[in-house]
Each structure stands twice: as C-alpha cells, then as structure tokens.
N, C-alpha and C. Protein backbone atom coordinates (compact mmCIF):
# COMPACT_ATOMS: atom_id res chain seq x y z
N UNK A 1 131.61 -32.21 -19.93
CA UNK A 1 130.56 -31.56 -20.65
C UNK A 1 129.76 -32.59 -21.45
N UNK A 2 128.55 -32.22 -21.76
CA UNK A 2 127.70 -33.11 -22.54
C UNK A 2 128.22 -33.16 -23.98
N UNK A 3 127.67 -34.07 -24.77
CA UNK A 3 128.08 -34.22 -26.15
C UNK A 3 127.78 -33.00 -27.01
N UNK A 4 126.92 -32.10 -26.52
CA UNK A 4 126.56 -30.91 -27.29
C UNK A 4 127.55 -29.77 -27.09
N UNK A 5 128.48 -29.92 -26.19
CA UNK A 5 129.42 -28.85 -25.90
C UNK A 5 128.91 -27.88 -24.86
N UNK A 6 127.65 -28.01 -24.49
CA UNK A 6 127.07 -27.15 -23.45
C UNK A 6 127.17 -27.88 -22.11
N UNK A 7 127.43 -27.16 -21.04
CA UNK A 7 127.50 -27.81 -19.72
C UNK A 7 126.12 -28.36 -19.32
N UNK A 8 126.14 -29.47 -18.61
CA UNK A 8 124.90 -30.05 -18.11
C UNK A 8 124.46 -29.30 -16.86
N UNK A 9 123.23 -29.52 -16.45
CA UNK A 9 122.72 -28.90 -15.22
C UNK A 9 123.60 -29.32 -14.04
N UNK A 10 123.99 -30.60 -14.00
CA UNK A 10 124.85 -31.07 -12.91
C UNK A 10 126.18 -30.32 -12.90
N UNK A 11 126.78 -30.14 -14.07
CA UNK A 11 128.06 -29.43 -14.15
C UNK A 11 127.93 -27.98 -13.68
N UNK A 12 126.83 -27.36 -14.06
CA UNK A 12 126.59 -25.98 -13.64
C UNK A 12 126.42 -25.90 -12.13
N UNK A 13 125.63 -26.82 -11.56
CA UNK A 13 125.42 -26.83 -10.11
C UNK A 13 126.71 -27.11 -9.36
N UNK A 14 127.48 -28.10 -9.85
CA UNK A 14 128.75 -28.42 -9.19
C UNK A 14 129.66 -27.19 -9.16
N UNK A 15 129.71 -26.47 -10.27
CA UNK A 15 130.56 -25.28 -10.34
C UNK A 15 130.10 -24.23 -9.33
N UNK A 16 128.80 -24.01 -9.24
CA UNK A 16 128.26 -23.03 -8.28
C UNK A 16 128.52 -23.46 -6.84
N UNK A 17 128.37 -24.75 -6.56
CA UNK A 17 128.59 -25.26 -5.20
C UNK A 17 130.06 -25.12 -4.81
N UNK A 18 130.96 -25.50 -5.72
CA UNK A 18 132.40 -25.38 -5.43
C UNK A 18 132.79 -23.91 -5.25
N UNK A 19 132.25 -23.05 -6.09
CA UNK A 19 132.56 -21.63 -5.98
C UNK A 19 132.10 -21.08 -4.62
N UNK A 20 130.92 -21.46 -4.21
CA UNK A 20 130.43 -20.99 -2.90
C UNK A 20 131.31 -21.53 -1.77
N UNK A 21 131.70 -22.81 -1.86
CA UNK A 21 132.54 -23.41 -0.82
C UNK A 21 133.91 -22.73 -0.75
N UNK A 22 134.40 -22.23 -1.86
CA UNK A 22 135.69 -21.52 -1.87
C UNK A 22 135.62 -20.20 -1.12
N UNK A 23 134.45 -19.56 -1.16
CA UNK A 23 134.31 -18.22 -0.59
C UNK A 23 133.57 -18.17 0.74
N UNK A 24 132.97 -19.27 1.14
CA UNK A 24 132.15 -19.30 2.35
C UNK A 24 132.59 -20.47 3.23
N UNK A 25 133.42 -20.19 4.21
CA UNK A 25 133.99 -21.24 5.06
C UNK A 25 132.92 -22.01 5.82
N UNK A 26 131.86 -21.32 6.24
CA UNK A 26 130.79 -22.00 6.98
C UNK A 26 130.05 -22.99 6.07
N UNK A 27 129.78 -22.58 4.83
CA UNK A 27 129.13 -23.47 3.88
C UNK A 27 130.04 -24.65 3.56
N UNK A 28 131.33 -24.39 3.39
CA UNK A 28 132.30 -25.46 3.08
C UNK A 28 132.31 -26.51 4.19
N UNK A 29 132.31 -26.05 5.43
CA UNK A 29 132.31 -26.98 6.57
C UNK A 29 131.04 -27.82 6.57
N UNK A 30 129.89 -27.18 6.31
CA UNK A 30 128.62 -27.91 6.27
C UNK A 30 128.61 -28.90 5.11
N UNK A 31 129.13 -28.50 3.97
CA UNK A 31 129.18 -29.38 2.80
C UNK A 31 130.01 -30.63 3.09
N UNK A 32 131.10 -30.47 3.78
CA UNK A 32 131.94 -31.63 4.13
C UNK A 32 131.29 -32.50 5.20
N UNK A 33 130.62 -31.88 6.16
CA UNK A 33 130.03 -32.60 7.29
C UNK A 33 128.65 -33.19 6.96
N UNK A 34 127.83 -32.43 6.25
CA UNK A 34 126.45 -32.86 5.98
C UNK A 34 126.04 -32.36 4.59
N UNK A 35 126.50 -33.05 3.54
CA UNK A 35 126.27 -32.58 2.18
C UNK A 35 124.79 -32.37 1.83
N UNK A 36 123.92 -33.26 2.26
CA UNK A 36 122.50 -33.14 1.92
C UNK A 36 121.91 -31.85 2.49
N UNK A 37 122.31 -31.51 3.70
CA UNK A 37 121.82 -30.28 4.31
C UNK A 37 122.37 -29.06 3.56
N UNK A 38 123.63 -29.11 3.19
CA UNK A 38 124.24 -28.01 2.44
C UNK A 38 123.56 -27.82 1.09
N UNK A 39 123.23 -28.91 0.42
CA UNK A 39 122.61 -28.83 -0.91
C UNK A 39 121.21 -28.25 -0.87
N UNK A 40 120.56 -28.32 0.29
CA UNK A 40 119.23 -27.71 0.44
C UNK A 40 119.31 -26.21 0.18
N UNK A 41 120.47 -25.60 0.43
CA UNK A 41 120.63 -24.16 0.20
C UNK A 41 120.59 -23.82 -1.29
N UNK A 42 120.70 -24.83 -2.13
CA UNK A 42 120.59 -24.66 -3.58
C UNK A 42 119.24 -25.15 -4.09
N UNK A 43 118.34 -25.44 -3.15
CA UNK A 43 117.02 -25.93 -3.53
C UNK A 43 116.99 -27.39 -3.90
N UNK A 44 118.05 -28.12 -3.56
CA UNK A 44 118.14 -29.54 -3.91
C UNK A 44 117.73 -30.40 -2.73
N UNK A 45 116.87 -31.36 -2.99
CA UNK A 45 116.45 -32.34 -1.98
C UNK A 45 116.94 -33.70 -2.45
N UNK A 46 117.85 -34.29 -1.71
CA UNK A 46 118.44 -35.58 -2.07
C UNK A 46 117.69 -36.69 -1.34
N UNK A 47 117.16 -37.68 -2.07
CA UNK A 47 116.43 -38.77 -1.43
C UNK A 47 117.31 -39.53 -0.43
N UNK A 48 116.69 -40.11 0.59
CA UNK A 48 117.42 -40.86 1.60
C UNK A 48 118.23 -42.00 1.01
N UNK A 49 117.74 -42.60 -0.07
CA UNK A 49 118.42 -43.75 -0.67
C UNK A 49 119.69 -43.36 -1.44
N UNK A 50 119.89 -42.04 -1.64
CA UNK A 50 121.06 -41.55 -2.37
C UNK A 50 122.09 -41.04 -1.38
N UNK A 51 123.31 -41.50 -1.52
CA UNK A 51 124.42 -41.06 -0.66
C UNK A 51 125.24 -40.01 -1.40
N UNK A 52 125.56 -38.93 -0.74
CA UNK A 52 126.41 -37.88 -1.30
C UNK A 52 127.70 -37.86 -0.50
N UNK A 53 128.81 -37.94 -1.20
CA UNK A 53 130.12 -37.85 -0.55
C UNK A 53 130.85 -36.63 -1.09
N UNK A 54 131.35 -35.83 -0.18
CA UNK A 54 132.15 -34.66 -0.55
C UNK A 54 133.54 -34.88 0.03
N UNK A 55 134.54 -34.79 -0.81
CA UNK A 55 135.92 -34.98 -0.37
C UNK A 55 136.72 -33.73 -0.71
N UNK A 56 137.74 -33.50 0.04
CA UNK A 56 138.57 -32.31 -0.16
C UNK A 56 139.96 -32.75 -0.62
N UNK A 57 140.35 -32.28 -1.80
CA UNK A 57 141.69 -32.59 -2.28
C UNK A 57 142.72 -31.75 -1.51
N UNK A 58 143.89 -32.31 -1.40
CA UNK A 58 145.01 -31.62 -0.78
C UNK A 58 146.18 -31.65 -1.76
N UNK A 59 147.26 -30.95 -1.47
CA UNK A 59 148.41 -31.01 -2.38
C UNK A 59 148.96 -32.43 -2.56
N UNK A 60 148.71 -33.30 -1.57
CA UNK A 60 149.26 -34.65 -1.67
C UNK A 60 148.22 -35.74 -1.94
N UNK A 61 146.93 -35.36 -2.08
CA UNK A 61 145.87 -36.34 -2.34
C UNK A 61 145.01 -35.82 -3.49
N UNK A 62 144.86 -36.66 -4.52
CA UNK A 62 144.06 -36.30 -5.68
C UNK A 62 143.02 -37.41 -5.90
N UNK A 63 141.82 -37.04 -6.27
CA UNK A 63 140.74 -38.01 -6.49
C UNK A 63 140.37 -38.06 -7.97
N UNK A 64 140.07 -39.25 -8.46
CA UNK A 64 139.54 -39.45 -9.79
C UNK A 64 138.19 -40.12 -9.61
N UNK A 65 137.15 -39.53 -10.18
CA UNK A 65 135.81 -40.06 -10.02
C UNK A 65 135.41 -40.83 -11.27
N UNK A 66 135.06 -42.08 -11.09
CA UNK A 66 134.64 -42.92 -12.20
C UNK A 66 133.12 -43.00 -12.23
N UNK A 67 132.51 -43.00 -13.41
CA UNK A 67 131.05 -43.12 -13.50
C UNK A 67 130.59 -44.54 -13.18
C-alpha cells in the first residue's frame, strides 16, 4: 500500500486481475501466455518496450518480487 494507507491504482488493478484469473480459466490461460493481450481487457495498453511477466505460484514454489 502507499504511504497514505490507501491502495494505489496498481494495487487495485492487480487485485482485480488476480480475482478475474481465479474465476475465469480462459482469462488465466491468456494472462500466463500473453499478458499484454490479457491486460487489454482491462483497458491497459502496455508499450512494446515494457515486458510483463506473469508467474503462477504452486505449493512448492513461492516468488518474492523486489522493486
């Protein structure tokens, strides 16, 4: 969360994207295979110079994302 205690736009979008992926298997598959295309469904256009990586945690693999 931001320093104000309110979630940032990014945090809100991430939550919505993850929630949709939990309930929509087709969207989840697209998000894993082609994240930029999947994000277009949220009105997001990611520039070519920006890489988006989507990874799926499992019971035996955990990811920590560093800024």
